[in-house]
Amino acid sequence: MAEHETNLPIDDQKAEGERASKNAAENLFRPRFIFRPEPPPDRGADGSFELRSVIAGEWRATGRRAWCQLKHTSTPRRLADGSISYPVDTKNVNYLRNYPCPFYLLYVWPTTEMLFRWHRDVLEELDRERPGWNEQREVNIRFSRCVDEALLKEIDVEIDSYHTQVARLAEGPKFLRFLRPEGARRLLEPDPLFVGREYERTIFQQRIRRGRVVLVTGEPDAGKKELVRQCLSDPAVLNHLDATLGAPVALLVVDVGSRIEPRLLRGLAWGLGLHKSWDNESVEATKQIRERATLLAEELPARVQGQHLLVIIENADRCLDDQGEQSDLDELLGSEPLRVGYIGRIL
């Protein structure tokens, strides 16, 4: 054979083992999870498993993930208790701990076993049994638990619980991520005895879309706020938003009705949960409110975290006759989440 036909890269056992382990992991975790490999060069996390949910009879991606390091071996070292010991770089143990819901997988090639360890259990074991392990170049991790249906359910619950807690940490008294009817009802508290206004509700649903400002005006006590509350607590309206956008929606209510200036920034900071008082002065509240750059350029985008943002500005008319409040309103409407990811502003 010619030299150009033989001088080729070797497809060695390591490469074949990597392919086999990834294929086995994908097959075992389907259909409940999608494996999303980390693009090279990975620094210690091979990829993530994204949780899927069945909605209207179809599997839907949720964006909620757990991260893993996937190892494989063709020469397993079995211990007396039947577990398998596998060496892992200490740097990897420290690196993986910074990911959400991290775990290790070990594929045993000769037996096609897929073994599992939660990263937190590895840390607990190392701290308990091997003091000073962080000073070593590598540590041995013991594997004994096989991936099965019970474990997949456990991972499902772990991912869902973790991301629910994270979402709640990012929420506030008037800010809600992953808008759903039950959450909207808790936040907006619509009147359960509300009836009628079908025409206005239809118009509202038609006009609320990406990039639109919906101005709700009327006489005092005409029910403007209640109309908005009813619409955004209506499953049909929220389903319309989901179908139109195909992505999660965050809802933010900013009330400009405070007696103390700056009204709009005070309502924003309180709505995000940055201070406990909406209509009283405090040192902490004043500090947060006055730091406009932090509030609008850092805090609000961090809370939204890429979701489409729907903003309700209540009592917005109080901004129109005050130059300072008008300036704050312009700055809020020009902030990154509203320029990039908003779907509407209700004034």
C-alpha atoms as a PDB file:
ATOM      1  CA  MET A   1       0.000   0.000   0.000  1.00  0.00           C
ATOM      2  CA  ALA A   2       1.104   3.542  -0.646  1.00  0.00           C
ATOM      3  CA  GLU A   3       2.403   5.634   2.237  1.00  0.00           C
ATOM      4  CA  HIS A   4      -0.570   8.003   2.094  1.00  0.00           C
ATOM      5  CA  GLU A   5      -2.843   4.994   2.616  1.00  0.00           C
ATOM      6  CA  THR A   6      -1.070   3.787   5.776  1.00  0.00           C
ATOM      7  CA  ASN A   7       0.244   6.942   7.460  1.00  0.00           C
ATOM      8  CA  LEU A   8      -3.072   7.712   9.177  1.00  0.00           C
ATOM      9  CA  PRO A   9      -4.215   8.468  12.768  1.00  0.00           C
ATOM     10  CA  ILE A  10      -4.730   5.432  14.974  1.00  0.00           C
ATOM     11  CA  ASP A  11      -8.305   4.915  16.125  1.00  0.00           C
ATOM     12  CA  ASP A  12      -7.169   3.516  19.448  1.00  0.00           C
ATOM     13  CA  GLN A  13      -8.994   1.800  22.280  1.00  0.00           C
ATOM     14  CA  LYS A  14      -9.358   5.069  24.205  1.00  0.00           C
ATOM     15  CA  ALA A  15     -11.261   6.728  21.367  1.00  0.00           C
ATOM     16  CA  GLU A  16     -13.442   3.656  20.929  1.00  0.00           C
ATOM     17  CA  GLY A  17     -14.134   3.576  24.661  1.00  0.00           C
ATOM     18  CA  GLU A  18     -15.192   7.238  24.620  1.00  0.00           C
ATOM     19  CA  ARG A  19     -17.639   6.566  21.807  1.00  0.00           C
ATOM     20  CA  ALA A  20     -19.021   3.469  23.513  1.00  0.00           C
ATOM     21  CA  SER A  21     -19.476   5.240  26.857  1.00  0.00           C
ATOM     22  CA  LYS A  22     -21.259   8.245  25.307  1.00  0.00           C
ATOM     23  CA  ASN A  23     -23.554   6.008  23.271  1.00  0.00           C
ATOM     24  CA  ALA A  24     -24.368   3.929  26.358  1.00  0.00           C
ATOM     25  CA  ALA A  25     -25.107   7.047  28.439  1.00  0.00           C
ATOM     26  CA  GLU A  26     -27.371   8.543  25.793  1.00  0.00           C
ATOM     27  CA  ASN A  27     -29.307   5.290  25.424  1.00  0.00           C
ATOM     28  CA  LEU A  28     -29.732   4.770  29.176  1.00  0.00           C
ATOM     29  CA  PHE A  29     -30.937   8.328  29.844  1.00  0.00           C
ATOM     30  CA  ARG A  30     -33.415   8.521  26.959  1.00  0.00           C
ATOM     31  CA  PRO A  31     -36.158   9.638  26.613  1.00  0.00           C
ATOM     32  CA  ARG A  32     -36.297  11.494  29.919  1.00  0.00           C
ATOM     33  CA  PHE A  33     -33.015  13.342  29.300  1.00  0.00           C
ATOM     34  CA  ILE A  34     -31.094  14.811  26.389  1.00  0.00           C
ATOM     35  CA  PHE A  35     -27.314  14.455  26.535  1.00  0.00           C
ATOM     36  CA  ARG A  36     -25.604  17.663  25.461  1.00  0.00           C
ATOM     37  CA  PRO A  37     -21.830  17.139  25.100  1.00  0.00           C
ATOM     38  CA  GLU A  38     -19.469  19.919  26.079  1.00  0.00           C
ATOM     39  CA  PRO A  39     -17.562  21.207  23.027  1.00  0.00           C
ATOM     40  CA  PRO A  40     -13.805  20.661  23.177  1.00  0.00           C
ATOM     41  CA  PRO A  41     -11.655  21.416  24.952  1.00  0.00           C
ATOM     42  CA  ASP A  42     -13.591  20.458  28.085  1.00  0.00           C
ATOM     43  CA  ARG A  43     -11.889  21.217  31.384  1.00  0.00           C
ATOM     44  CA  GLY A  44     -13.490  18.520  33.453  1.00  0.00           C
ATOM     45  CA  ALA A  45     -17.163  18.309  32.503  1.00  0.00           C
ATOM     46  CA  ASP A  46     -17.991  16.138  29.507  1.00  0.00           C
ATOM     47  CA  GLY A  47     -21.494  17.477  29.105  1.00  0.00           C
ATOM     48  CA  SER A  48     -24.908  17.876  30.641  1.00  0.00           C
ATOM     49  CA  PHE A  49     -28.151  15.933  30.787  1.00  0.00           C
ATOM     50  CA  GLU A  50     -31.122  18.187  30.119  1.00  0.00           C
ATOM     51  CA  LEU A  51     -34.410  17.219  31.712  1.00  0.00           C
ATOM     52  CA  ARG A  52     -37.384  16.817  29.380  1.00  0.00           C
ATOM     53  CA  SER A  53     -41.082  17.109  30.215  1.00  0.00           C
ATOM     54  CA  VAL A  54     -44.167  15.741  28.502  1.00  0.00           C
ATOM     55  CA  ILE A  55     -46.459  18.653  27.617  1.00  0.00           C
ATOM     56  CA  ALA A  56     -49.593  18.096  25.554  1.00  0.00           C
ATOM     57  CA  GLY A  57     -48.393  14.588  24.731  1.00  0.00           C
ATOM     58  CA  GLU A  58     -44.985  15.683  23.418  1.00  0.00           C
ATOM     59  CA  TRP A  59     -41.503  15.707  24.915  1.00  0.00           C
ATOM     60  CA  ARG A  60     -40.307  19.270  25.529  1.00  0.00           C
ATOM     61  CA  ALA A  61     -36.820  20.488  26.453  1.00  0.00           C
ATOM     62  CA  THR A  62     -36.797  22.398  29.764  1.00  0.00           C
ATOM     63  CA  GLY A  63     -33.348  23.975  29.883  1.00  0.00           C
ATOM     64  CA  ARG A  64     -32.875  22.390  33.324  1.00  0.00           C
ATOM     65  CA  ARG A  65     -29.638  20.413  33.432  1.00  0.00           C
ATOM     66  CA  ALA A  66     -27.250  18.363  35.521  1.00  0.00           C
ATOM     67  CA  TRP A  67     -23.584  18.195  34.572  1.00  0.00           C
ATOM     68  CA  CYS A  68     -21.393  15.124  34.551  1.00  0.00           C
ATOM     69  CA  GLN A  69     -17.928  13.777  34.003  1.00  0.00           C
ATOM     70  CA  LEU A  70     -18.109  10.549  31.982  1.00  0.00           C
ATOM     71  CA  LYS A  71     -15.302   8.035  32.485  1.00  0.00           C
ATOM     72  CA  HIS A  72     -14.765   4.575  31.016  1.00  0.00           C
ATOM     73  CA  THR A  73     -12.540   1.604  31.741  1.00  0.00           C
ATOM     74  CA  SER A  74     -11.739  -1.684  30.052  1.00  0.00           C
ATOM     75  CA  THR A  75      -9.746  -2.973  33.058  1.00  0.00           C
ATOM     76  CA  PRO A  76     -11.910  -2.343  36.132  1.00  0.00           C
ATOM     77  CA  ARG A  77     -10.260  -2.617  39.550  1.00  0.00           C
ATOM     78  CA  ARG A  78     -12.822  -4.320  41.770  1.00  0.00           C
ATOM     79  CA  LEU A  79     -12.573  -4.036  45.528  1.00  0.00           C
ATOM     80  CA  ALA A  80     -13.529  -6.646  48.102  1.00  0.00           C
ATOM     81  CA  ASP A  81     -17.020  -5.167  48.520  1.00  0.00           C
ATOM     82  CA  GLY A  82     -17.686  -5.462  44.775  1.00  0.00           C
ATOM     83  CA  SER A  83     -17.331  -1.761  44.047  1.00  0.00           C
ATOM     84  CA  ILE A  84     -14.979  -0.436  41.377  1.00  0.00           C
ATOM     85  CA  SER A  85     -12.228   2.051  42.191  1.00  0.00           C
ATOM     86  CA  TYR A  86     -11.333   4.602  39.529  1.00  0.00           C
ATOM     87  CA  PRO A  87      -8.682   7.375  39.735  1.00  0.00           C
ATOM     88  CA  VAL A  88      -9.745  10.965  39.033  1.00  0.00           C
ATOM     89  CA  ASP A  89      -7.600  14.096  39.037  1.00  0.00           C
ATOM     90  CA  THR A  90      -8.091  16.172  42.170  1.00  0.00           C
ATOM     91  CA  LYS A  91      -8.397  19.276  40.009  1.00  0.00           C
ATOM     92  CA  ASN A  92     -11.394  17.694  38.315  1.00  0.00           C
ATOM     93  CA  VAL A  93     -13.135  17.064  41.626  1.00  0.00           C
ATOM     94  CA  ASN A  94     -12.703  20.728  42.536  1.00  0.00           C
ATOM     95  CA  TYR A  95     -13.747  21.901  39.080  1.00  0.00           C
ATOM     96  CA  LEU A  96     -16.915  19.829  38.766  1.00  0.00           C
ATOM     97  CA  ARG A  97     -18.268  21.007  42.129  1.00  0.00           C
ATOM     98  CA  ASN A  98     -19.039  24.420  40.582  1.00  0.00           C
ATOM     99  CA  TYR A  99     -21.612  22.985  38.145  1.00  0.00           C
ATOM    100  CA  PRO A 100     -25.330  22.471  38.889  1.00  0.00           C
ATOM    101  CA  CYS A 101     -26.248  18.972  40.162  1.00  0.00           C
ATOM    102  CA  PRO A 102     -22.874  17.417  39.245  1.00  0.00           C
ATOM    103  CA  PHE A 103     -22.243  13.671  39.119  1.00  0.00           C
ATOM    104  CA  TYR A 104     -19.813  11.068  37.781  1.00  0.00           C
ATOM    105  CA  LEU A 105     -20.552   8.235  35.375  1.00  0.00           C
ATOM    106  CA  LEU A 106     -18.228   5.286  34.870  1.00  0.00           C
ATOM    107  CA  TYR A 107     -18.775   2.957  31.916  1.00  0.00           C
ATOM    108  CA  VAL A 108     -17.323  -0.539  32.430  1.00  0.00           C
ATOM    109  CA  TRP A 109     -16.643  -1.676  28.903  1.00  0.00           C
ATOM    110  CA  PRO A 110     -16.303  -5.473  29.389  1.00  0.00           C
ATOM    111  CA  THR A 111     -19.631  -5.752  31.267  1.00  0.00           C
ATOM    112  CA  THR A 112     -21.448  -2.720  29.727  1.00  0.00           C
ATOM    113  CA  GLU A 113     -22.268  -1.506  33.261  1.00  0.00           C
ATOM    114  CA  MET A 114     -22.900   2.220  33.705  1.00  0.00           C
ATOM    115  CA  LEU A 115     -22.046   3.219  37.281  1.00  0.00           C
ATOM    116  CA  PHE A 116     -22.992   6.449  39.043  1.00  0.00           C
ATOM    117  CA  ARG A 117     -21.864   8.704  41.937  1.00  0.00           C
ATOM    118  CA  TRP A 118     -23.242  12.049  43.023  1.00  0.00           C
ATOM    119  CA  HIS A 119     -20.392  14.524  43.248  1.00  0.00           C
ATOM    120  CA  ARG A 120     -21.555  15.651  46.712  1.00  0.00           C
ATOM    121  CA  ASP A 121     -21.257  12.056  47.972  1.00  0.00           C
ATOM    122  CA  VAL A 122     -17.727  11.858  46.591  1.00  0.00           C
ATOM    123  CA  LEU A 123     -16.786  15.037  48.473  1.00  0.00           C
ATOM    124  CA  GLU A 124     -18.344  13.806  51.694  1.00  0.00           C
ATOM    125  CA  GLU A 125     -16.494  10.492  51.430  1.00  0.00           C
ATOM    126  CA  LEU A 126     -13.150  12.155  50.694  1.00  0.00           C
ATOM    127  CA  ASP A 127     -13.487  14.603  53.589  1.00  0.00           C
ATOM    128  CA  ARG A 128     -14.486  11.794  55.964  1.00  0.00           C
ATOM    129  CA  GLU A 129     -12.043   9.081  54.952  1.00  0.00           C
ATOM    130  CA  ARG A 130      -9.099  10.881  53.375  1.00  0.00           C
ATOM    131  CA  PRO A 131      -8.203  14.135  55.156  1.00  0.00           C
ATOM    132  CA  GLY A 132      -5.781  16.203  53.117  1.00  0.00           C
ATOM    133  CA  TRP A 133      -6.972  14.686  49.823  1.00  0.00           C
ATOM    134  CA  ASN A 134      -6.812  18.088  48.125  1.00  0.00           C
ATOM    135  CA  GLU A 135      -3.044  17.984  48.398  1.00  0.00           C
ATOM    136  CA  GLN A 136      -2.889  14.827  46.262  1.00  0.00           C
ATOM    137  CA  ARG A 137      -2.589  14.834  42.470  1.00  0.00           C
ATOM    138  CA  GLU A 138      -5.443  12.336  42.098  1.00  0.00           C
ATOM    139  CA  VAL A 139      -7.978  10.499  44.229  1.00  0.00           C
ATOM    140  CA  ASN A 140      -9.752   7.176  43.846  1.00  0.00           C
ATOM    141  CA  ILE A 141     -13.548   7.220  43.585  1.00  0.00           C
ATOM    142  CA  ARG A 142     -15.538   4.103  44.407  1.00  0.00           C
ATOM    143  CA  PHE A 143     -18.462   3.197  42.150  1.00  0.00           C
ATOM    144  CA  SER A 144     -21.117   0.592  42.911  1.00  0.00           C
ATOM    145  CA  ARG A 145     -24.524   2.009  41.920  1.00  0.00           C
ATOM    146  CA  CYS A 146     -25.812   1.149  38.455  1.00  0.00           C
ATOM    147  CA  VAL A 147     -27.937   3.487  36.379  1.00  0.00           C
ATOM    148  CA  ASP A 148     -31.526   2.222  36.494  1.00  0.00           C
ATOM    149  CA  GLU A 149     -35.048   3.603  36.413  1.00  0.00           C
ATOM    150  CA  ALA A 150     -35.029   4.500  40.121  1.00  0.00           C
ATOM    151  CA  LEU A 151     -31.837   6.481  39.685  1.00  0.00           C
ATOM    152  CA  LEU A 152     -33.201   8.328  36.646  1.00  0.00           C
ATOM    153  CA  LYS A 153     -36.217   9.382  38.719  1.00  0.00           C
ATOM    154  CA  GLU A 154     -33.877  10.561  41.461  1.00  0.00           C
ATOM    155  CA  ILE A 155     -31.859  12.652  39.000  1.00  0.00           C
ATOM    156  CA  ASP A 156     -35.109  14.034  37.588  1.00  0.00           C
ATOM    157  CA  VAL A 157     -36.227  15.193  41.051  1.00  0.00           C
ATOM    158  CA  GLU A 158     -32.771  16.557  41.895  1.00  0.00           C
ATOM    159  CA  ILE A 159     -32.570  18.680  38.728  1.00  0.00           C
ATOM    160  CA  ASP A 160     -36.119  19.951  39.057  1.00  0.00           C
ATOM    161  CA  SER A 161     -35.719  20.810  42.757  1.00  0.00           C
ATOM    162  CA  TYR A 162     -32.400  22.553  42.231  1.00  0.00           C
ATOM    163  CA  HIS A 163     -33.599  24.775  39.414  1.00  0.00           C
ATOM    164  CA  THR A 164     -36.854  25.568  41.208  1.00  0.00           C
ATOM    165  CA  GLN A 165     -34.865  26.760  44.225  1.00  0.00           C
ATOM    166  CA  VAL A 166     -32.540  28.826  42.029  1.00  0.00           C
ATOM    167  CA  ALA A 167     -35.518  30.412  40.294  1.00  0.00           C
ATOM    168  CA  ARG A 168     -37.072  31.323  43.636  1.00  0.00           C
ATOM    169  CA  LEU A 169     -33.824  32.873  44.827  1.00  0.00           C
ATOM    170  CA  ALA A 170     -33.911  35.119  41.752  1.00  0.00           C
ATOM    171  CA  GLU A 171     -37.517  36.152  42.328  1.00  0.00           C
ATOM    172  CA  GLY A 172     -38.982  38.916  44.480  1.00  0.00           C
ATOM    173  CA  PRO A 173     -42.286  40.247  45.829  1.00  0.00           C
ATOM    174  CA  LYS A 174     -43.259  41.470  42.364  1.00  0.00           C
ATOM    175  CA  PHE A 175     -40.997  39.425  40.104  1.00  0.00           C
ATOM    176  CA  LEU A 176     -41.768  35.923  38.860  1.00  0.00           C
ATOM    177  CA  ARG A 177     -39.769  33.689  36.548  1.00  0.00           C
ATOM    178  CA  PHE A 178     -41.288  30.932  34.384  1.00  0.00           C
ATOM    179  CA  LEU A 179     -44.715  32.574  34.324  1.00  0.00           C
ATOM    180  CA  ARG A 180     -47.586  30.110  34.769  1.00  0.00           C
ATOM    181  CA  PRO A 181     -51.245  30.639  35.763  1.00  0.00           C
ATOM    182  CA  GLU A 182     -50.821  29.499  39.384  1.00  0.00           C
ATOM    183  CA  GLY A 183     -47.775  31.728  39.874  1.00  0.00           C
ATOM    184  CA  ALA A 184     -49.469  34.681  38.198  1.00  0.00           C
ATOM    185  CA  ARG A 185     -52.476  34.299  40.495  1.00  0.00           C
ATOM    186  CA  ARG A 186     -50.223  34.321  43.572  1.00  0.00           C
ATOM    187  CA  LEU A 187     -48.393  37.422  42.362  1.00  0.00           C
ATOM    188  CA  LEU A 188     -51.281  39.438  40.930  1.00  0.00           C
ATOM    189  CA  GLU A 189     -54.142  38.241  43.170  1.00  0.00           C
ATOM    190  CA  PRO A 190     -56.959  38.654  40.610  1.00  0.00           C
ATOM    191  CA  ASP A 191     -60.531  38.977  41.863  1.00  0.00           C
ATOM    192  CA  PRO A 192     -62.138  35.500  41.656  1.00  0.00           C
ATOM    193  CA  LEU A 193     -65.570  37.117  41.120  1.00  0.00           C
ATOM    194  CA  PHE A 194     -64.489  39.030  38.018  1.00  0.00           C
ATOM    195  CA  VAL A 195     -66.851  38.572  35.024  1.00  0.00           C
ATOM    196  CA  GLY A 196     -67.323  40.176  31.619  1.00  0.00           C
ATOM    197  CA  ARG A 197     -65.001  42.562  29.770  1.00  0.00           C
ATOM    198  CA  GLU A 198     -64.519  39.903  27.084  1.00  0.00           C
ATOM    199  CA  TYR A 199     -63.895  42.433  24.325  1.00  0.00           C
ATOM    200  CA  GLU A 200     -61.157  44.217  26.314  1.00  0.00           C
ATOM    201  CA  ARG A 201     -59.578  40.896  27.242  1.00  0.00           C
ATOM    202  CA  THR A 202     -59.493  39.821  23.591  1.00  0.00           C
ATOM    203  CA  ILE A 203     -57.904  43.101  22.518  1.00  0.00           C
ATOM    204  CA  PHE A 204     -55.341  42.819  25.319  1.00  0.00           C
ATOM    205  CA  GLN A 205     -54.369  39.292  24.251  1.00  0.00           C
ATOM    206  CA  GLN A 206     -53.989  40.368  20.639  1.00  0.00           C
ATOM    207  CA  ARG A 207     -51.795  43.354  21.439  1.00  0.00           C
ATOM    208  CA  ILE A 208     -49.414  41.837  23.940  1.00  0.00           C
ATOM    209  CA  ARG A 209     -46.485  40.528  21.953  1.00  0.00           C
ATOM    210  CA  ARG A 210     -42.752  40.976  21.587  1.00  0.00           C
ATOM    211  CA  GLY A 211     -41.657  44.600  21.381  1.00  0.00           C
ATOM    212  CA  ARG A 212     -45.080  46.109  22.052  1.00  0.00           C
ATOM    213  CA  VAL A 213     -46.121  48.712  24.604  1.00  0.00           C
ATOM    214  CA  VAL A 214     -49.724  48.198  25.708  1.00  0.00           C
ATOM    215  CA  LEU A 215     -51.199  51.359  27.204  1.00  0.00           C
ATOM    216  CA  VAL A 216     -54.185  50.687  29.479  1.00  0.00           C
ATOM    217  CA  THR A 217     -56.062  53.923  30.235  1.00  0.00           C
ATOM    218  CA  GLY A 218     -59.418  54.843  31.710  1.00  0.00           C
ATOM    219  CA  GLU A 219     -61.241  56.670  34.455  1.00  0.00           C
ATOM    220  CA  PRO A 220     -60.193  56.141  38.083  1.00  0.00           C
ATOM    221  CA  ASP A 221     -61.590  52.913  39.563  1.00  0.00           C
ATOM    222  CA  ALA A 222     -62.533  51.675  36.091  1.00  0.00           C
ATOM    223  CA  GLY A 223     -60.815  48.338  36.713  1.00  0.00           C
ATOM    224  CA  LYS A 224     -57.675  48.839  34.594  1.00  0.00           C
ATOM    225  CA  LYS A 225     -55.377  46.945  36.972  1.00  0.00           C
ATOM    226  CA  GLU A 226     -57.929  44.198  37.464  1.00  0.00           C
ATOM    227  CA  LEU A 227     -58.263  43.720  33.716  1.00  0.00           C
ATOM    228  CA  VAL A 228     -54.497  43.196  33.418  1.00  0.00           C
ATOM    229  CA  ARG A 229     -54.472  40.844  36.413  1.00  0.00           C
ATOM    230  CA  GLN A 230     -57.278  38.764  34.960  1.00  0.00           C
ATOM    231  CA  CYS A 231     -55.658  38.507  31.544  1.00  0.00           C
ATOM    232  CA  LEU A 232     -52.228  37.494  32.827  1.00  0.00           C
ATOM    233  CA  SER A 233     -53.762  34.864  35.114  1.00  0.00           C
ATOM    234  CA  ASP A 234     -55.723  33.352  32.220  1.00  0.00           C
ATOM    235  CA  PRO A 235     -54.242  30.052  30.960  1.00  0.00           C
ATOM    236  CA  ALA A 236     -55.431  30.868  27.420  1.00  0.00           C
ATOM    237  CA  VAL A 237     -53.441  34.128  27.379  1.00  0.00           C
ATOM    238  CA  LEU A 238     -50.309  32.481  28.775  1.00  0.00           C
ATOM    239  CA  ASN A 239     -50.618  29.585  26.342  1.00  0.00           C
ATOM    240  CA  HIS A 240     -50.846  32.175  23.563  1.00  0.00           C
ATOM    241  CA  LEU A 241     -47.595  33.747  24.802  1.00  0.00           C
ATOM    242  CA  ASP A 242     -45.871  30.352  24.994  1.00  0.00           C
ATOM    243  CA  ALA A 243     -46.997  29.448  21.476  1.00  0.00           C
ATOM    244  CA  THR A 244     -45.901  32.823  20.105  1.00  0.00           C
ATOM    245  CA  LEU A 245     -42.505  32.976  21.805  1.00  0.00           C
ATOM    246  CA  GLY A 246     -41.520  29.370  22.366  1.00  0.00           C
ATOM    247  CA  ALA A 247     -39.509  30.415  25.441  1.00  0.00           C
ATOM    248  CA  PRO A 248     -40.047  31.091  29.170  1.00  0.00           C
ATOM    249  CA  VAL A 249     -41.521  34.419  30.273  1.00  0.00           C
ATOM    250  CA  ALA A 250     -40.658  36.427  33.391  1.00  0.00           C
ATOM    251  CA  LEU A 251     -43.163  38.886  34.849  1.00  0.00           C
ATOM    252  CA  LEU A 252     -42.147  42.075  36.665  1.00  0.00           C
ATOM    253  CA  VAL A 253     -44.581  44.502  38.317  1.00  0.00           C
ATOM    254  CA  VAL A 254     -43.262  47.999  39.070  1.00  0.00           C
ATOM    255  CA  ASP A 255     -45.604  50.212  41.080  1.00  0.00           C
ATOM    256  CA  VAL A 256     -44.864  53.940  40.882  1.00  0.00           C
ATOM    257  CA  GLY A 257     -47.444  54.719  43.577  1.00  0.00           C
ATOM    258  CA  SER A 258     -44.991  55.229  46.446  1.00  0.00           C
ATOM    259  CA  ARG A 259     -45.170  58.548  48.296  1.00  0.00           C
ATOM    260  CA  ILE A 260     -41.372  58.743  48.542  1.00  0.00           C
ATOM    261  CA  GLU A 261     -39.085  59.558  45.625  1.00  0.00           C
ATOM    262  CA  PRO A 262     -37.564  58.112  43.530  1.00  0.00           C
ATOM    263  CA  ARG A 263     -40.860  56.314  43.040  1.00  0.00           C
ATOM    264  CA  LEU A 264     -40.106  54.155  40.002  1.00  0.00           C
ATOM    265  CA  LEU A 265     -36.692  52.958  41.196  1.00  0.00           C
ATOM    266  CA  ARG A 266     -38.142  52.293  44.642  1.00  0.00           C
ATOM    267  CA  GLY A 267     -40.901  50.179  43.100  1.00  0.00           C
ATOM    268  CA  LEU A 268     -38.370  48.325  40.948  1.00  0.00           C
ATOM    269  CA  ALA A 269     -35.987  47.584  43.824  1.00  0.00           C
ATOM    270  CA  TRP A 270     -38.835  46.403  46.045  1.00  0.00           C
ATOM    271  CA  GLY A 271     -40.362  44.290  43.292  1.00  0.00           C
ATOM    272  CA  LEU A 272     -37.029  42.499  42.775  1.00  0.00           C
ATOM    273  CA  GLY A 273     -36.699  41.881  46.504  1.00  0.00           C
ATOM    274  CA  LEU A 274     -33.666  44.141  47.016  1.00  0.00           C
ATOM    275  CA  HIS A 275     -35.222  45.718  50.091  1.00  0.00           C
ATOM    276  CA  LYS A 276     -38.218  44.916  52.249  1.00  0.00           C
ATOM    277  CA  SER A 277     -39.916  48.292  52.239  1.00  0.00           C
ATOM    278  CA  TRP A 278     -41.802  49.820  49.332  1.00  0.00           C
ATOM    279  CA  ASP A 279     -43.156  53.004  50.913  1.00  0.00           C
ATOM    280  CA  ASN A 280     -40.766  53.733  53.788  1.00  0.00           C
ATOM    281  CA  GLU A 281     -37.265  55.154  53.877  1.00  0.00           C
ATOM    282  CA  SER A 282     -34.288  53.095  55.036  1.00  0.00           C
ATOM    283  CA  VAL A 283     -30.524  53.288  54.673  1.00  0.00           C
ATOM    284  CA  GLU A 284     -30.366  50.002  52.785  1.00  0.00           C
ATOM    285  CA  ALA A 285     -33.222  50.951  50.472  1.00  0.00           C
ATOM    286  CA  THR A 286     -31.730  54.355  49.697  1.00  0.00           C
ATOM    287  CA  LYS A 287     -28.361  52.821  48.883  1.00  0.00           C
ATOM    288  CA  GLN A 288     -29.851  50.258  46.517  1.00  0.00           C
ATOM    289  CA  ILE A 289     -32.154  52.733  44.809  1.00  0.00           C
ATOM    290  CA  ARG A 290     -29.504  55.369  44.231  1.00  0.00           C
ATOM    291  CA  GLU A 291     -27.116  52.911  42.572  1.00  0.00           C
ATOM    292  CA  ARG A 292     -28.959  53.103  39.260  1.00  0.00           C
ATOM    293  CA  ALA A 293     -26.179  51.505  37.224  1.00  0.00           C
ATOM    294  CA  THR A 294     -26.143  48.431  39.456  1.00  0.00           C
ATOM    295  CA  LEU A 295     -29.919  48.171  39.600  1.00  0.00           C
ATOM    296  CA  LEU A 296     -30.619  48.548  35.886  1.00  0.00           C
ATOM    297  CA  ALA A 297     -27.419  47.332  34.230  1.00  0.00           C
ATOM    298  CA  GLU A 298     -26.532  44.420  36.509  1.00  0.00           C
ATOM    299  CA  GLU A 299     -29.268  43.370  38.919  1.00  0.00           C
ATOM    300  CA  LEU A 300     -32.245  43.333  36.549  1.00  0.00           C
ATOM    301  CA  PRO A 301     -30.452  41.445  33.708  1.00  0.00           C
ATOM    302  CA  ALA A 302     -29.109  38.908  36.219  1.00  0.00           C
ATOM    303  CA  ARG A 303     -32.617  38.232  37.526  1.00  0.00           C
ATOM    304  CA  VAL A 304     -34.139  37.864  34.058  1.00  0.00           C
ATOM    305  CA  GLN A 305     -31.369  35.435  32.980  1.00  0.00           C
ATOM    306  CA  GLY A 306     -32.274  35.378  29.303  1.00  0.00           C
ATOM    307  CA  GLN A 307     -36.021  34.916  29.668  1.00  0.00           C
ATOM    308  CA  HIS A 308     -38.476  37.099  27.799  1.00  0.00           C
ATOM    309  CA  LEU A 309     -39.476  39.912  30.135  1.00  0.00           C
ATOM    310  CA  LEU A 310     -43.021  41.219  30.536  1.00  0.00           C
ATOM    311  CA  VAL A 311     -43.199  44.414  32.611  1.00  0.00           C
ATOM    312  CA  ILE A 312     -46.302  45.926  34.199  1.00  0.00           C
ATOM    313  CA  ILE A 313     -45.784  49.535  35.286  1.00  0.00           C
ATOM    314  CA  GLU A 314     -48.609  50.544  37.586  1.00  0.00           C
ATOM    315  CA  ASN A 315     -49.471  54.218  38.186  1.00  0.00           C
ATOM    316  CA  ALA A 316     -47.147  55.141  35.322  1.00  0.00           C
ATOM    317  CA  ASP A 317     -48.869  58.530  34.995  1.00  0.00           C
ATOM    318  CA  ARG A 318     -46.892  59.680  38.050  1.00  0.00           C
ATOM    319  CA  CYS A 319     -43.739  59.547  35.927  1.00  0.00           C
ATOM    320  CA  LEU A 320     -45.080  61.860  33.244  1.00  0.00           C
ATOM    321  CA  ASP A 321     -45.184  65.106  35.255  1.00  0.00           C
ATOM    322  CA  ASP A 322     -41.855  64.604  37.018  1.00  0.00           C
ATOM    323  CA  GLN A 323     -38.623  65.070  35.088  1.00  0.00           C
ATOM    324  CA  GLY A 324     -36.620  62.826  37.399  1.00  0.00           C
ATOM    325  CA  GLU A 325     -39.196  60.033  37.278  1.00  0.00           C
ATOM    326  CA  GLN A 326     -39.492  60.390  33.507  1.00  0.00           C
ATOM    327  CA  SER A 327     -35.717  60.014  33.218  1.00  0.00           C
ATOM    328  CA  ASP A 328     -35.819  56.882  35.394  1.00  0.00           C
ATOM    329  CA  LEU A 329     -38.654  55.476  33.269  1.00  0.00           C
ATOM    330  CA  ASP A 330     -36.688  56.086  30.062  1.00  0.00           C
ATOM    331  CA  GLU A 331     -33.639  54.411  31.587  1.00  0.00           C
ATOM    332  CA  LEU A 332     -35.679  51.396  32.702  1.00  0.00           C
ATOM    333  CA  LEU A 333     -37.299  51.001  29.286  1.00  0.00           C
ATOM    334  CA  GLY A 334     -33.874  51.274  27.643  1.00  0.00           C
ATOM    335  CA  SER A 335     -32.207  48.714  29.922  1.00  0.00           C
ATOM    336  CA  GLU A 336     -30.826  45.510  28.419  1.00  0.00           C
ATOM    337  CA  PRO A 337     -33.649  43.069  29.317  1.00  0.00           C
ATOM    338  CA  LEU A 338     -36.238  45.359  27.765  1.00  0.00           C
ATOM    339  CA  ARG A 339     -34.155  46.183  24.702  1.00  0.00           C
ATOM    340  CA  VAL A 340     -33.231  42.561  24.018  1.00  0.00           C
ATOM    341  CA  GLY A 341     -35.673  40.151  25.611  1.00  0.00           C
ATOM    342  CA  TYR A 342     -38.893  41.914  26.507  1.00  0.00           C
ATOM    343  CA  ILE A 343     -42.239  41.021  25.009  1.00  0.00           C
ATOM    344  CA  GLY A 344     -44.234  43.980  26.205  1.00  0.00           C
ATOM    345  CA  ARG A 345     -44.640  46.776  28.682  1.00  0.00           C
ATOM    346  CA  ILE A 346     -48.028  47.505  30.186  1.00  0.00           C
ATOM    347  CA  LEU A 347     -48.328  51.087  31.419  1.00  0.00           C
END
